[in-house]
Amino acid sequence: MYLILNSNSDRKQKLLSIERHTRVVEIYSNKDQHNLGYVRFFNGINEFLEYPYKVGDSVSKKKGDSIEYIFRKDSIIKNNLFEESRKNGFLK
C-alpha cells in the first residue's frame, strides 16, 4: 500500500514540476522503445506520447499547475495532466 501511495505522490510531484512553453514539431514511432509513440518539441526534448498532441500545437504549462494549455489553430485545449494520467493508468 505504501509503494502505491508513494509512487502516486511522486508522479503528481513530477507532473507539477513540469514547465513547458514550446511547440510540437514531430510525432514519431521510437524504434528503440518498441515503436511506441513519441513527441519531439521545438526545444529539442523528446518524450513518450501520453497526451493528445498534434504537429504544430503550441504547448504551455506553468510549474506547479496541473493544467497544460494546447493551442491548436484557433482553439485552446485545457489538458488536465492528473486526469489524463488517471485515464492512462499512471495515477490512481
C-alpha atoms as a PDB file:
ATOM      1  CA  MET A   1       0.000   0.000   0.000  1.00  0.00           C
ATOM      2  CA  TYR A   2       2.822   2.430   0.841  1.00  0.00           C
ATOM      3  CA  LEU A   3       4.502   1.836  -2.524  1.00  0.00           C
ATOM      4  CA  ILE A   4       1.312   2.692  -4.427  1.00  0.00           C
ATOM      5  CA  LEU A   5       0.686   5.854  -2.400  1.00  0.00           C
ATOM      6  CA  ASN A   6       4.328   6.889  -2.623  1.00  0.00           C
ATOM      7  CA  SER A   7       4.508   6.319  -6.383  1.00  0.00           C
ATOM      8  CA  ASN A   8       1.263   8.289  -6.886  1.00  0.00           C
ATOM      9  CA  SER A   9       2.700  11.148  -4.862  1.00  0.00           C
ATOM     10  CA  ASP A  10       5.952  11.027  -6.832  1.00  0.00           C
ATOM     11  CA  ARG A  11       4.053  11.019 -10.138  1.00  0.00           C
ATOM     12  CA  LYS A  12       1.945  14.018  -9.075  1.00  0.00           C
ATOM     13  CA  GLN A  13       5.046  15.938  -7.998  1.00  0.00           C
ATOM     14  CA  LYS A  14       6.734  15.142 -11.301  1.00  0.00           C
ATOM     15  CA  LEU A  15       3.706  16.395 -13.258  1.00  0.00           C
ATOM     16  CA  LEU A  16       3.554  19.571 -11.176  1.00  0.00           C
ATOM     17  CA  SER A  17       7.273  20.243 -11.668  1.00  0.00           C
ATOM     18  CA  ILE A  18       6.981  20.383 -15.473  1.00  0.00           C
ATOM     19  CA  GLU A  19       7.331  23.824 -17.028  1.00  0.00           C
ATOM     20  CA  ARG A  20       6.849  23.874 -20.775  1.00  0.00           C
ATOM     21  CA  HIS A  21       6.391  26.653 -23.321  1.00  0.00           C
ATOM     22  CA  THR A  22       7.157  25.158 -26.718  1.00  0.00           C
ATOM     23  CA  ARG A  23       5.756  23.752 -29.969  1.00  0.00           C
ATOM     24  CA  VAL A  24       5.276  20.172 -31.227  1.00  0.00           C
ATOM     25  CA  VAL A  25       7.466  19.581 -34.290  1.00  0.00           C
ATOM     26  CA  GLU A  26       7.148  15.818 -34.763  1.00  0.00           C
ATOM     27  CA  ILE A  27       5.225  12.768 -33.605  1.00  0.00           C
ATOM     28  CA  TYR A  28       7.019   9.524 -34.390  1.00  0.00           C
ATOM     29  CA  SER A  29       7.438   5.837 -33.533  1.00  0.00           C
ATOM     30  CA  ASN A  30      10.554   5.282 -31.455  1.00  0.00           C
ATOM     31  CA  LYS A  31      12.165   2.093 -32.768  1.00  0.00           C
ATOM     32  CA  ASP A  32      14.410   1.870 -29.690  1.00  0.00           C
ATOM     33  CA  GLN A  33      11.304   1.786 -27.458  1.00  0.00           C
ATOM     34  CA  HIS A  34       9.272  -0.939 -29.223  1.00  0.00           C
ATOM     35  CA  ASN A  35       7.781   1.559 -31.721  1.00  0.00           C
ATOM     36  CA  LEU A  36       5.872   3.447 -29.040  1.00  0.00           C
ATOM     37  CA  GLY A  37       4.632   6.912 -29.922  1.00  0.00           C
ATOM     38  CA  TYR A  38       6.926   9.795 -29.041  1.00  0.00           C
ATOM     39  CA  VAL A  39       6.678  13.547 -29.416  1.00  0.00           C
ATOM     40  CA  ARG A  40       9.537  15.919 -30.299  1.00  0.00           C
ATOM     41  CA  PHE A  41       9.248  19.509 -29.131  1.00  0.00           C
ATOM     42  CA  PHE A  42      10.841  22.598 -30.695  1.00  0.00           C
ATOM     43  CA  ASN A  43      13.153  22.961 -27.688  1.00  0.00           C
ATOM     44  CA  GLY A  44      14.711  19.561 -28.514  1.00  0.00           C
ATOM     45  CA  ILE A  45      13.007  17.482 -25.834  1.00  0.00           C
ATOM     46  CA  ASN A  46      11.681  14.057 -26.877  1.00  0.00           C
ATOM     47  CA  GLU A  47       9.043  12.394 -24.698  1.00  0.00           C
ATOM     48  CA  PHE A  48       6.714   9.420 -24.632  1.00  0.00           C
ATOM     49  CA  LEU A  49       3.414  10.455 -26.231  1.00  0.00           C
ATOM     50  CA  GLU A  50       0.975  10.390 -23.297  1.00  0.00           C
ATOM     51  CA  TYR A  51      -1.262  13.292 -24.286  1.00  0.00           C
ATOM     52  CA  PRO A  52      -3.269  14.250 -27.411  1.00  0.00           C
ATOM     53  CA  TYR A  53      -0.673  16.401 -29.173  1.00  0.00           C
ATOM     54  CA  LYS A  54      -0.605  17.098 -32.898  1.00  0.00           C
ATOM     55  CA  VAL A  55       2.212  18.512 -35.015  1.00  0.00           C
ATOM     56  CA  GLY A  56       2.060  22.311 -34.902  1.00  0.00           C
ATOM     57  CA  ASP A  57       0.471  22.521 -31.444  1.00  0.00           C
ATOM     58  CA  SER A  58       1.869  25.146 -29.104  1.00  0.00           C
ATOM     59  CA  VAL A  59       2.031  23.847 -25.551  1.00  0.00           C
ATOM     60  CA  SER A  60       2.158  25.945 -22.394  1.00  0.00           C
ATOM     61  CA  LYS A  61       2.308  24.773 -18.773  1.00  0.00           C
ATOM     62  CA  LYS A  62       3.472  26.607 -15.686  1.00  0.00           C
ATOM     63  CA  LYS A  63       5.374  24.868 -12.913  1.00  0.00           C
ATOM     64  CA  GLY A  64       3.016  23.975 -10.051  1.00  0.00           C
ATOM     65  CA  ASP A  65      -0.089  23.834 -12.269  1.00  0.00           C
ATOM     66  CA  SER A  66      -1.717  20.560 -13.331  1.00  0.00           C
ATOM     67  CA  ILE A  67      -3.366  22.184 -16.375  1.00  0.00           C
ATOM     68  CA  GLU A  68      -1.486  22.282 -19.665  1.00  0.00           C
ATOM     69  CA  TYR A  69      -2.800  24.525 -22.437  1.00  0.00           C
ATOM     70  CA  ILE A  70      -2.597  23.294 -26.019  1.00  0.00           C
ATOM     71  CA  PHE A  71      -3.039  25.999 -28.643  1.00  0.00           C
ATOM     72  CA  ARG A  72      -4.252  24.382 -31.874  1.00  0.00           C
ATOM     73  CA  LYS A  73      -5.203  26.578 -34.835  1.00  0.00           C
ATOM     74  CA  ASP A  74      -7.985  28.815 -33.465  1.00  0.00           C
ATOM     75  CA  SER A  75      -8.770  26.843 -30.297  1.00  0.00           C
ATOM     76  CA  ILE A  76      -7.337  26.392 -26.812  1.00  0.00           C
ATOM     77  CA  ILE A  77      -7.498  22.923 -25.266  1.00  0.00           C
ATOM     78  CA  LYS A  78      -7.159  22.539 -21.495  1.00  0.00           C
ATOM     79  CA  ASN A  79      -5.349  19.309 -20.739  1.00  0.00           C
ATOM     80  CA  ASN A  80      -5.521  18.297 -17.062  1.00  0.00           C
ATOM     81  CA  LEU A  81      -2.406  16.172 -16.590  1.00  0.00           C
ATOM     82  CA  PHE A  82      -3.777  14.464 -13.456  1.00  0.00           C
ATOM     83  CA  GLU A  83      -6.985  13.380 -15.224  1.00  0.00           C
ATOM     84  CA  GLU A  84      -5.083  12.147 -18.287  1.00  0.00           C
ATOM     85  CA  SER A  85      -2.670  10.190 -16.067  1.00  0.00           C
ATOM     86  CA  ARG A  86      -5.606   8.562 -14.283  1.00  0.00           C
ATOM     87  CA  LYS A  87      -7.224   7.617 -17.605  1.00  0.00           C
ATOM     88  CA  ASN A  88      -3.950   6.074 -18.795  1.00  0.00           C
ATOM     89  CA  GLY A  89      -3.474   4.142 -15.539  1.00  0.00           C
ATOM     90  CA  PHE A  90      -0.449   6.092 -14.314  1.00  0.00           C
ATOM     91  CA  LEU A  91      -2.283   7.541 -11.287  1.00  0.00           C
ATOM     92  CA  LYS A  92      -4.905   6.037  -9.003  1.00  0.00           C
END
